[in-house]
All heavy atoms as atom14 arrays in JSON, in Angstrom:
{
  "sequence": "PGAVNIPLAELERRLGELPVGKEVVAYCRGPYCVLSFEAVAAL",
  "atom14_mask": [
    [1, 1, 1, 1, 1, 1, 1, 0, 0, 0, 0, 0, 0, 0],
    [1, 1, 1, 1, 0, 0, 0, 0, 0, 0, 0, 0, 0, 0],
    [1, 1, 1, 1, 1, 0, 0, 0, 0, 0, 0, 0, 0, 0],
    [1, 1, 1, 1, 1, 1, 1, 0, 0, 0, 0, 0, 0, 0],
    [1, 1, 1, 1, 1, 1, 1, 1, 0, 0, 0, 0, 0, 0],
    [1, 1, 1, 1, 1, 1, 1, 1, 0, 0, 0, 0, 0, 0],
    [1, 1, 1, 1, 1, 1, 1, 0, 0, 0, 0, 0, 0, 0],
    [1, 1, 1, 1, 1, 1, 1, 1, 0, 0, 0, 0, 0, 0],
    [1, 1, 1, 1, 1, 0, 0, 0, 0, 0, 0, 0, 0, 0],
    [1, 1, 1, 1, 1, 1, 1, 1, 1, 0, 0, 0, 0, 0],
    [1, 1, 1, 1, 1, 1, 1, 1, 0, 0, 0, 0, 0, 0],
    [1, 1, 1, 1, 1, 1, 1, 1, 1, 0, 0, 0, 0, 0],
    [1, 1, 1, 1, 1, 1, 1, 1, 1, 1, 1, 0, 0, 0],
    [1, 1, 1, 1, 1, 1, 1, 1, 1, 1, 1, 0, 0, 0],
    [1, 1, 1, 1, 1, 1, 1, 1, 0, 0, 0, 0, 0, 0],
    [1, 1, 1, 1, 0, 0, 0, 0, 0, 0, 0, 0, 0, 0],
    [1, 1, 1, 1, 1, 1, 1, 1, 1, 0, 0, 0, 0, 0],
    [1, 1, 1, 1, 1, 1, 1, 1, 0, 0, 0, 0, 0, 0],
    [1, 1, 1, 1, 1, 1, 1, 0, 0, 0, 0, 0, 0, 0],
    [1, 1, 1, 1, 1, 1, 1, 0, 0, 0, 0, 0, 0, 0],
    [1, 1, 1, 1, 0, 0, 0, 0, 0, 0, 0, 0, 0, 0],
    [1, 1, 1, 1, 1, 1, 1, 1, 1, 0, 0, 0, 0, 0],
    [1, 1, 1, 1, 1, 1, 1, 1, 1, 0, 0, 0, 0, 0],
    [1, 1, 1, 1, 1, 1, 1, 0, 0, 0, 0, 0, 0, 0],
    [1, 1, 1, 1, 1, 1, 1, 0, 0, 0, 0, 0, 0, 0],
    [1, 1, 1, 1, 1, 0, 0, 0, 0, 0, 0, 0, 0, 0],
    [1, 1, 1, 1, 1, 1, 1, 1, 1, 1, 1, 1, 0, 0],
    [1, 1, 1, 1, 1, 1, 0, 0, 0, 0, 0, 0, 0, 0],
    [1, 1, 1, 1, 1, 1, 1, 1, 1, 1, 1, 0, 0, 0],
    [1, 1, 1, 1, 0, 0, 0, 0, 0, 0, 0, 0, 0, 0],
    [1, 1, 1, 1, 1, 1, 1, 0, 0, 0, 0, 0, 0, 0],
    [1, 1, 1, 1, 1, 1, 1, 1, 1, 1, 1, 1, 0, 0],
    [1, 1, 1, 1, 1, 1, 0, 0, 0, 0, 0, 0, 0, 0],
    [1, 1, 1, 1, 1, 1, 1, 0, 0, 0, 0, 0, 0, 0],
    [1, 1, 1, 1, 1, 1, 1, 1, 0, 0, 0, 0, 0, 0],
    [1, 1, 1, 1, 1, 1, 0, 0, 0, 0, 0, 0, 0, 0],
    [1, 1, 1, 1, 1, 1, 1, 1, 1, 1, 1, 0, 0, 0],
    [1, 1, 1, 1, 1, 1, 1, 1, 1, 0, 0, 0, 0, 0],
    [1, 1, 1, 1, 1, 0, 0, 0, 0, 0, 0, 0, 0, 0],
    [1, 1, 1, 1, 1, 1, 1, 0, 0, 0, 0, 0, 0, 0],
    [1, 1, 1, 1, 1, 0, 0, 0, 0, 0, 0, 0, 0, 0],
    [1, 1, 1, 1, 1, 0, 0, 0, 0, 0, 0, 0, 0, 0],
    [1, 1, 1, 1, 1, 1, 1, 1, 0, 0, 0, 0, 0, 0]
  ],
  "atom14_positions": [
    [[0.82, -1.22, 0.0], [0.0, 0.0, 0.0], [0.85, 1.27, 0.0], [1.79, 1.4, 0.78], [-0.8, -0.12, 1.3], [-0.82, -1.56, 1.62], [0.49, -2.09, 1.13], [0.0, 0.0, 0.0], [0.0, 0.0, 0.0], [0.0, 0.0, 0.0], [0.0, 0.0, 0.0], [0.0, 0.0, 0.0], [0.0, 0.0, 0.0], [0.0, 0.0, 0.0]],
    [[0.52, 2.17, -0.92], [1.19, 3.46, -0.96], [2.6, 3.45, -1.47], [3.3, 4.46, -1.4], [0.0, 0.0, 0.0], [0.0, 0.0, 0.0], [0.0, 0.0, 0.0], [0.0, 0.0, 0.0], [0.0, 0.0, 0.0], [0.0, 0.0, 0.0], [0.0, 0.0, 0.0], [0.0, 0.0, 0.0], [0.0, 0.0, 0.0], [0.0, 0.0, 0.0]],
    [[3.05, 2.31, -1.99], [4.44, 2.21, -2.45], [4.69, 3.1, -3.66], [3.82, 3.29, -4.51], [4.78, 0.76, -2.79], [0.0, 0.0, 0.0], [0.0, 0.0, 0.0], [0.0, 0.0, 0.0], [0.0, 0.0, 0.0], [0.0, 0.0, 0.0], [0.0, 0.0, 0.0], [0.0, 0.0, 0.0], [0.0, 0.0, 0.0], [0.0, 0.0, 0.0]],
    [[5.9, 3.63, -3.73], [6.38, 4.38, -4.89], [7.17, 3.42, -5.77], [8.05, 2.71, -5.28], [7.29, 5.55, -4.45], [7.88, 6.27, -5.67], [6.53, 6.52, -3.56], [0.0, 0.0, 0.0], [0.0, 0.0, 0.0], [0.0, 0.0, 0.0], [0.0, 0.0, 0.0], [0.0, 0.0, 0.0], [0.0, 0.0, 0.0], [0.0, 0.0, 0.0]],
    [[6.82, 3.36, -7.05], [7.52, 2.45, -7.96], [8.58, 3.19, -8.76], [8.26, 4.04, -9.6], [6.51, 1.79, -8.9], [7.16, 0.82, -9.88], [6.78, 0.75, -11.04], [8.12, 0.04, -9.42], [0.0, 0.0, 0.0], [0.0, 0.0, 0.0], [0.0, 0.0, 0.0], [0.0, 0.0, 0.0], [0.0, 0.0, 0.0], [0.0, 0.0, 0.0]],
    [[9.84, 2.88, -8.46], [10.96, 3.38, -9.27], [11.83, 2.17, -9.57], [12.59, 1.72, -8.71], [11.78, 4.46, -8.54], [10.89, 5.61, -8.06], [12.88, 4.98, -9.46], [11.64, 6.71, -7.32], [0.0, 0.0, 0.0], [0.0, 0.0, 0.0], [0.0, 0.0, 0.0], [0.0, 0.0, 0.0], [0.0, 0.0, 0.0], [0.0, 0.0, 0.0]],
    [[11.71, 1.6, -10.77], [12.56, 0.45, -11.12], [14.03, 0.78, -10.93], [14.46, 1.93, -11.12], [12.22, 0.2, -12.59], [10.83, 0.73, -12.75], [10.76, 1.93, -11.85], [0.0, 0.0, 0.0], [0.0, 0.0, 0.0], [0.0, 0.0, 0.0], [0.0, 0.0, 0.0], [0.0, 0.0, 0.0], [0.0, 0.0, 0.0], [0.0, 0.0, 0.0]],
    [[14.81, -0.21, -10.55], [16.21, 0.01, -10.21], [16.96, 0.75, -11.33], [17.75, 1.65, -11.05], [16.89, -1.33, -9.92], [18.38, -1.25, -9.58], [18.6, -0.47, -8.28], [18.97, -2.66, -9.47], [0.0, 0.0, 0.0], [0.0, 0.0, 0.0], [0.0, 0.0, 0.0], [0.0, 0.0, 0.0], [0.0, 0.0, 0.0], [0.0, 0.0, 0.0]],
    [[16.7, 0.39, -12.58], [17.4, 1.02, -13.69], [17.12, 2.51, -13.81], [17.89, 3.25, -14.43], [17.04, 0.31, -15.0], [0.0, 0.0, 0.0], [0.0, 0.0, 0.0], [0.0, 0.0, 0.0], [0.0, 0.0, 0.0], [0.0, 0.0, 0.0], [0.0, 0.0, 0.0], [0.0, 0.0, 0.0], [0.0, 0.0, 0.0], [0.0, 0.0, 0.0]],
    [[16.0, 2.97, -13.22], [15.62, 4.38, -13.32], [15.9, 5.16, -12.04], [15.61, 6.35, -11.96], [14.12, 4.49, -13.65], [13.72, 3.77, -14.94], [12.22, 3.77, -15.15], [11.52, 4.57, -14.48], [11.73, 2.96, -15.96], [0.0, 0.0, 0.0], [0.0, 0.0, 0.0], [0.0, 0.0, 0.0], [0.0, 0.0, 0.0], [0.0, 0.0, 0.0]],
    [[16.48, 4.49, -11.06], [16.6, 5.1, -9.74], [17.44, 6.38, -9.76], [17.05, 7.4, -9.16], [17.21, 4.08, -8.77], [17.26, 4.48, -7.29], [15.87, 4.79, -6.75], [17.9, 3.36, -6.47], [0.0, 0.0, 0.0], [0.0, 0.0, 0.0], [0.0, 0.0, 0.0], [0.0, 0.0, 0.0], [0.0, 0.0, 0.0], [0.0, 0.0, 0.0]],
    [[18.55, 6.34, -10.44], [19.46, 7.49, -10.43], [18.79, 8.76, -10.94], [18.92, 9.83, -10.35], [20.7, 7.17, -11.29], [21.67, 8.32, -11.4], [23.01, 8.03, -10.73], [23.29, 6.87, -10.39], [23.75, 8.99, -10.53], [0.0, 0.0, 0.0], [0.0, 0.0, 0.0], [0.0, 0.0, 0.0], [0.0, 0.0, 0.0], [0.0, 0.0, 0.0]],
    [[18.07, 8.67, -12.04], [17.48, 9.88, -12.64], [16.16, 10.28, -11.99], [15.64, 11.36, -12.27], [17.28, 9.69, -14.14], [16.24, 8.67, -14.54], [16.1, 8.62, -16.06], [15.15, 7.62, -16.5], [13.84, 7.8, -16.55], [13.32, 8.97, -16.19], [13.04, 6.84, -16.97], [0.0, 0.0, 0.0], [0.0, 0.0, 0.0], [0.0, 0.0, 0.0]],
    [[15.63, 9.43, -11.09], [14.34, 9.75, -10.46], [14.46, 9.95, -8.95], [13.49, 9.84, -8.22], [13.32, 8.65, -10.78], [12.96, 8.58, -12.26], [12.03, 7.42, -12.58], [10.78, 7.48, -11.84], [9.84, 6.54, -11.9], [10.02, 5.45, -12.63], [8.72, 6.67, -11.2], [0.0, 0.0, 0.0], [0.0, 0.0, 0.0], [0.0, 0.0, 0.0]],
    [[15.67, 10.26, -8.49], [15.87, 10.45, -7.05], [14.99, 11.57, -6.5], [14.62, 11.54, -5.32], [17.35, 10.76, -6.77], [18.33, 9.59, -6.9], [19.75, 10.09, -6.72], [17.99, 8.49, -5.91], [0.0, 0.0, 0.0], [0.0, 0.0, 0.0], [0.0, 0.0, 0.0], [0.0, 0.0, 0.0], [0.0, 0.0, 0.0], [0.0, 0.0, 0.0]],
    [[14.65, 12.53, -7.32], [13.83, 13.65, -6.87], [12.44, 13.25, -6.43], [11.74, 14.03, -5.75], [0.0, 0.0, 0.0], [0.0, 0.0, 0.0], [0.0, 0.0, 0.0], [0.0, 0.0, 0.0], [0.0, 0.0, 0.0], [0.0, 0.0, 0.0], [0.0, 0.0, 0.0], [0.0, 0.0, 0.0], [0.0, 0.0, 0.0], [0.0, 0.0, 0.0]],
    [[12.01, 12.04, -6.77], [10.69, 11.56, -6.35], [10.69, 11.02, -4.92], [9.63, 10.72, -4.37], [10.2, 10.48, -7.31], [10.01, 10.99, -8.74], [9.6, 9.9, -9.7], [8.88, 8.98, -9.27], [10.0, 9.94, -10.88], [0.0, 0.0, 0.0], [0.0, 0.0, 0.0], [0.0, 0.0, 0.0], [0.0, 0.0, 0.0], [0.0, 0.0, 0.0]],
    [[11.88, 10.87, -4.34], [11.97, 10.39, -2.96], [12.15, 11.58, -2.02], [13.05, 12.39, -2.21], [13.16, 9.44, -2.8], [13.07, 8.14, -3.59], [14.37, 7.35, -3.45], [11.88, 7.3, -3.13], [0.0, 0.0, 0.0], [0.0, 0.0, 0.0], [0.0, 0.0, 0.0], [0.0, 0.0, 0.0], [0.0, 0.0, 0.0], [0.0, 0.0, 0.0]],
    [[11.28, 11.72, -1.01], [11.4, 12.85, -0.09], [12.7, 12.82, 0.7], [13.11, 11.77, 1.21], [10.19, 12.68, 0.83], [9.81, 11.25, 0.73], [10.17, 10.82, -0.66], [0.0, 0.0, 0.0], [0.0, 0.0, 0.0], [0.0, 0.0, 0.0], [0.0, 0.0, 0.0], [0.0, 0.0, 0.0], [0.0, 0.0, 0.0], [0.0, 0.0, 0.0]],
    [[13.36, 13.96, 0.77], [14.62, 14.06, 1.52], [14.31, 14.09, 3.01], [13.36, 14.71, 3.45], [15.38, 15.34, 1.1], [16.66, 15.49, 1.91], [15.69, 15.32, -0.39], [0.0, 0.0, 0.0], [0.0, 0.0, 0.0], [0.0, 0.0, 0.0], [0.0, 0.0, 0.0], [0.0, 0.0, 0.0], [0.0, 0.0, 0.0], [0.0, 0.0, 0.0]],
    [[15.13, 13.4, 3.79], [14.98, 13.41, 5.23], [13.97, 12.43, 5.78], [13.74, 12.4, 6.99], [0.0, 0.0, 0.0], [0.0, 0.0, 0.0], [0.0, 0.0, 0.0], [0.0, 0.0, 0.0], [0.0, 0.0, 0.0], [0.0, 0.0, 0.0], [0.0, 0.0, 0.0], [0.0, 0.0, 0.0], [0.0, 0.0, 0.0], [0.0, 0.0, 0.0]],
    [[13.35, 11.62, 4.92], [12.38, 10.63, 5.38], [12.94, 9.24, 5.12], [13.56, 8.98, 4.07], [11.06, 10.81, 4.63], [9.9, 10.01, 5.2], [8.6, 10.37, 4.48], [7.4, 9.66, 5.08], [6.14, 10.01, 4.38], [0.0, 0.0, 0.0], [0.0, 0.0, 0.0], [0.0, 0.0, 0.0], [0.0, 0.0, 0.0], [0.0, 0.0, 0.0]],
    [[12.76, 8.34, 6.07], [13.27, 6.98, 5.9], [12.63, 6.31, 4.69], [11.44, 6.45, 4.43], [13.01, 6.14, 7.15], [13.56, 4.73, 7.04], [13.19, 3.83, 8.2], [12.33, 4.23, 9.01], [13.77, 2.73, 8.29], [0.0, 0.0, 0.0], [0.0, 0.0, 0.0], [0.0, 0.0, 0.0], [0.0, 0.0, 0.0], [0.0, 0.0, 0.0]],
    [[13.44, 5.55, 3.97], [12.98, 4.77, 2.82], [13.15, 3.29, 3.15], [14.19, 2.88, 3.66], [13.78, 5.12, 1.56], [13.36, 4.22, 0.38], [13.61, 6.59, 1.19], [0.0, 0.0, 0.0], [0.0, 0.0, 0.0], [0.0, 0.0, 0.0], [0.0, 0.0, 0.0], [0.0, 0.0, 0.0], [0.0, 0.0, 0.0], [0.0, 0.0, 0.0]],
    [[12.12, 2.49, 2.85], [12.22, 1.03, 2.95], [11.99, 0.47, 1.55], [10.94, 0.68, 0.95], [11.21, 0.44, 3.94], [11.25, -1.09, 3.9], [11.5, 0.93, 5.36], [0.0, 0.0, 0.0], [0.0, 0.0, 0.0], [0.0, 0.0, 0.0], [0.0, 0.0, 0.0], [0.0, 0.0, 0.0], [0.0, 0.0, 0.0], [0.0, 0.0, 0.0]],
    [[13.0, -0.22, 1.02], [12.94, -0.75, -0.34], [12.63, -2.25, -0.32], [13.04, -2.98, 0.58], [14.27, -0.5, -1.06], [0.0, 0.0, 0.0], [0.0, 0.0, 0.0], [0.0, 0.0, 0.0], [0.0, 0.0, 0.0], [0.0, 0.0, 0.0], [0.0, 0.0, 0.0], [0.0, 0.0, 0.0], [0.0, 0.0, 0.0], [0.0, 0.0, 0.0]],
    [[11.9, -2.68, -1.34], [11.61, -4.11, -1.47], [11.53, -4.47, -2.94], [11.4, -3.62, -3.82], [10.31, -4.5, -0.76], [9.06, -4.06, -1.48], [8.42, -4.91, -2.39], [8.49, -2.81, -1.26], [7.27, -4.52, -3.05], [7.33, -2.42, -1.91], [6.73, -3.27, -2.81], [5.59, -2.88, -3.48], [0.0, 0.0, 0.0], [0.0, 0.0, 0.0]],
    [[11.59, -5.78, -3.21], [11.42, -6.24, -4.6], [10.71, -7.59, -4.62], [9.64, -7.72, -4.02], [12.75, -6.25, -5.36], [14.07, -7.21, -4.6], [0.0, 0.0, 0.0], [0.0, 0.0, 0.0], [0.0, 0.0, 0.0], [0.0, 0.0, 0.0], [0.0, 0.0, 0.0], [0.0, 0.0, 0.0], [0.0, 0.0, 0.0], [0.0, 0.0, 0.0]],
    [[11.29, -8.61, -5.25], [10.56, -9.85, -5.51], [10.6, -10.87, -4.38], [9.76, -11.77, -4.34], [11.12, -10.51, -6.78], [10.88, -9.72, -8.05], [11.67, -10.29, -9.2], [11.41, -9.56, -10.44], [12.31, -9.39, -11.4], [13.53, -9.89, -11.25], [12.01, -8.71, -12.48], [0.0, 0.0, 0.0], [0.0, 0.0, 0.0], [0.0, 0.0, 0.0]],
    [[11.58, -10.76, -3.49], [11.7, -11.76, -2.45], [13.04, -11.63, -1.75], [13.83, -10.73, -2.04], [0.0, 0.0, 0.0], [0.0, 0.0, 0.0], [0.0, 0.0, 0.0], [0.0, 0.0, 0.0], [0.0, 0.0, 0.0], [0.0, 0.0, 0.0], [0.0, 0.0, 0.0], [0.0, 0.0, 0.0], [0.0, 0.0, 0.0], [0.0, 0.0, 0.0]],
    [[13.35, -12.53, -0.83], [14.54, -12.38, 0.0], [15.85, -12.47, -0.76], [16.87, -11.95, -0.3], [14.42, -13.54, 1.01], [13.47, -14.51, 0.39], [12.53, -13.69, -0.42], [0.0, 0.0, 0.0], [0.0, 0.0, 0.0], [0.0, 0.0, 0.0], [0.0, 0.0, 0.0], [0.0, 0.0, 0.0], [0.0, 0.0, 0.0], [0.0, 0.0, 0.0]],
    [[15.88, -13.11, -1.94], [17.13, -13.22, -2.71], [17.09, -12.38, -3.98], [17.97, -12.52, -4.84], [17.41, -14.69, -3.07], [17.44, -15.58, -1.85], [16.62, -16.69, -1.75], [18.29, -15.29, -0.78], [16.64, -17.5, -0.63], [18.31, -16.09, 0.35], [17.48, -17.19, 0.42], [17.49, -17.99, 1.54], [0.0, 0.0, 0.0], [0.0, 0.0, 0.0]],
    [[16.13, -11.51, -4.09], [16.07, -10.61, -5.24], [17.13, -9.52, -5.08], [17.16, -8.83, -4.06], [14.67, -9.99, -5.35], [14.5, -8.78, -6.67], [0.0, 0.0, 0.0], [0.0, 0.0, 0.0], [0.0, 0.0, 0.0], [0.0, 0.0, 0.0], [0.0, 0.0, 0.0], [0.0, 0.0, 0.0], [0.0, 0.0, 0.0], [0.0, 0.0, 0.0]],
    [[18.0, -9.37, -6.08], [19.14, -8.45, -5.95], [18.72, -6.99, -6.09], [19.48, -6.09, -5.71], [20.23, -8.78, -6.98], [20.72, -10.19, -6.81], [19.75, -8.54, -8.41], [0.0, 0.0, 0.0], [0.0, 0.0, 0.0], [0.0, 0.0, 0.0], [0.0, 0.0, 0.0], [0.0, 0.0, 0.0], [0.0, 0.0, 0.0], [0.0, 0.0, 0.0]],
    [[17.53, -6.73, -6.63], [17.15, -5.35, -6.93], [17.14, -4.46, -5.7], [17.65, -3.34, -5.71], [15.76, -5.32, -7.6], [15.61, -6.14, -8.89], [14.17, -6.06, -9.4], [16.58, -5.66, -9.95], [0.0, 0.0, 0.0], [0.0, 0.0, 0.0], [0.0, 0.0, 0.0], [0.0, 0.0, 0.0], [0.0, 0.0, 0.0], [0.0, 0.0, 0.0]],
    [[16.55, -4.94, -4.6], [16.47, -4.1, -3.4], [17.83, -3.91, -2.76], [18.13, -2.84, -2.21], [15.47, -4.69, -2.39], [15.87, -5.98, -1.97], [0.0, 0.0, 0.0], [0.0, 0.0, 0.0], [0.0, 0.0, 0.0], [0.0, 0.0, 0.0], [0.0, 0.0, 0.0], [0.0, 0.0, 0.0], [0.0, 0.0, 0.0], [0.0, 0.0, 0.0]],
    [[18.7, -4.93, -2.82], [20.05, -4.79, -2.27], [20.83, -3.72, -3.03], [21.53, -2.9, -2.43], [20.79, -6.13, -2.33], [20.37, -7.11, -1.27], [19.3, -7.97, -1.5], [21.01, -7.18, -0.06], [18.9, -8.89, -0.53], [20.63, -8.08, 0.93], [19.56, -8.94, 0.68], [0.0, 0.0, 0.0], [0.0, 0.0, 0.0], [0.0, 0.0, 0.0]],
    [[20.71, -3.75, -4.36], [21.4, -2.75, -5.17], [20.84, -1.35, -4.92], [21.59, -0.36, -4.86], [21.29, -3.11, -6.66], [21.98, -4.4, -7.05], [23.49, -4.3, -7.01], [24.03, -3.19, -6.81], [24.16, -5.35, -7.15], [0.0, 0.0, 0.0], [0.0, 0.0, 0.0], [0.0, 0.0, 0.0], [0.0, 0.0, 0.0], [0.0, 0.0, 0.0]],
    [[19.52, -1.26, -4.75], [18.89, 0.04, -4.5], [19.34, 0.61, -3.16], [19.64, 1.81, -3.04], [17.37, -0.09, -4.54], [0.0, 0.0, 0.0], [0.0, 0.0, 0.0], [0.0, 0.0, 0.0], [0.0, 0.0, 0.0], [0.0, 0.0, 0.0], [0.0, 0.0, 0.0], [0.0, 0.0, 0.0], [0.0, 0.0, 0.0], [0.0, 0.0, 0.0]],
    [[19.38, -0.23, -2.14], [19.81, 0.22, -0.81], [21.25, 0.73, -0.86], [21.57, 1.79, -0.33], [19.66, -0.92, 0.22], [20.42, -0.61, 1.5], [18.18, -1.13, 0.54], [0.0, 0.0, 0.0], [0.0, 0.0, 0.0], [0.0, 0.0, 0.0], [0.0, 0.0, 0.0], [0.0, 0.0, 0.0], [0.0, 0.0, 0.0], [0.0, 0.0, 0.0]],
    [[22.12, -0.03, -1.52], [23.53, 0.38, -1.61], [23.66, 1.72, -2.34], [24.41, 2.61, -1.92], [24.34, -0.7, -2.32], [0.0, 0.0, 0.0], [0.0, 0.0, 0.0], [0.0, 0.0, 0.0], [0.0, 0.0, 0.0], [0.0, 0.0, 0.0], [0.0, 0.0, 0.0], [0.0, 0.0, 0.0], [0.0, 0.0, 0.0], [0.0, 0.0, 0.0]],
    [[22.91, 1.89, -3.44], [22.99, 3.12, -4.22], [22.45, 4.31, -3.43], [23.05, 5.41, -3.45], [22.22, 2.96, -5.52], [0.0, 0.0, 0.0], [0.0, 0.0, 0.0], [0.0, 0.0, 0.0], [0.0, 0.0, 0.0], [0.0, 0.0, 0.0], [0.0, 0.0, 0.0], [0.0, 0.0, 0.0], [0.0, 0.0, 0.0], [0.0, 0.0, 0.0]],
    [[21.36, 4.13, -2.73], [20.75, 5.24, -1.98], [21.59, 5.63, -0.77], [21.69, 6.82, -0.43], [19.33, 4.88, -1.56], [18.3, 4.81, -2.68], [16.97, 4.26, -2.17], [18.09, 6.19, -3.3], [0.0, 0.0, 0.0], [0.0, 0.0, 0.0], [0.0, 0.0, 0.0], [0.0, 0.0, 0.0], [0.0, 0.0, 0.0], [0.0, 0.0, 0.0]]
  ]
}
């Protein structure tokens, strides 16, 4: 509910869609899905 969808490949150019100063919790397909790990490292 209420999730913001920014695919990993678009994350760099769409950072402005994430509010500054607010905690972000990222998720993807499951516990071994690399997308959320890469997103966390980049952010």
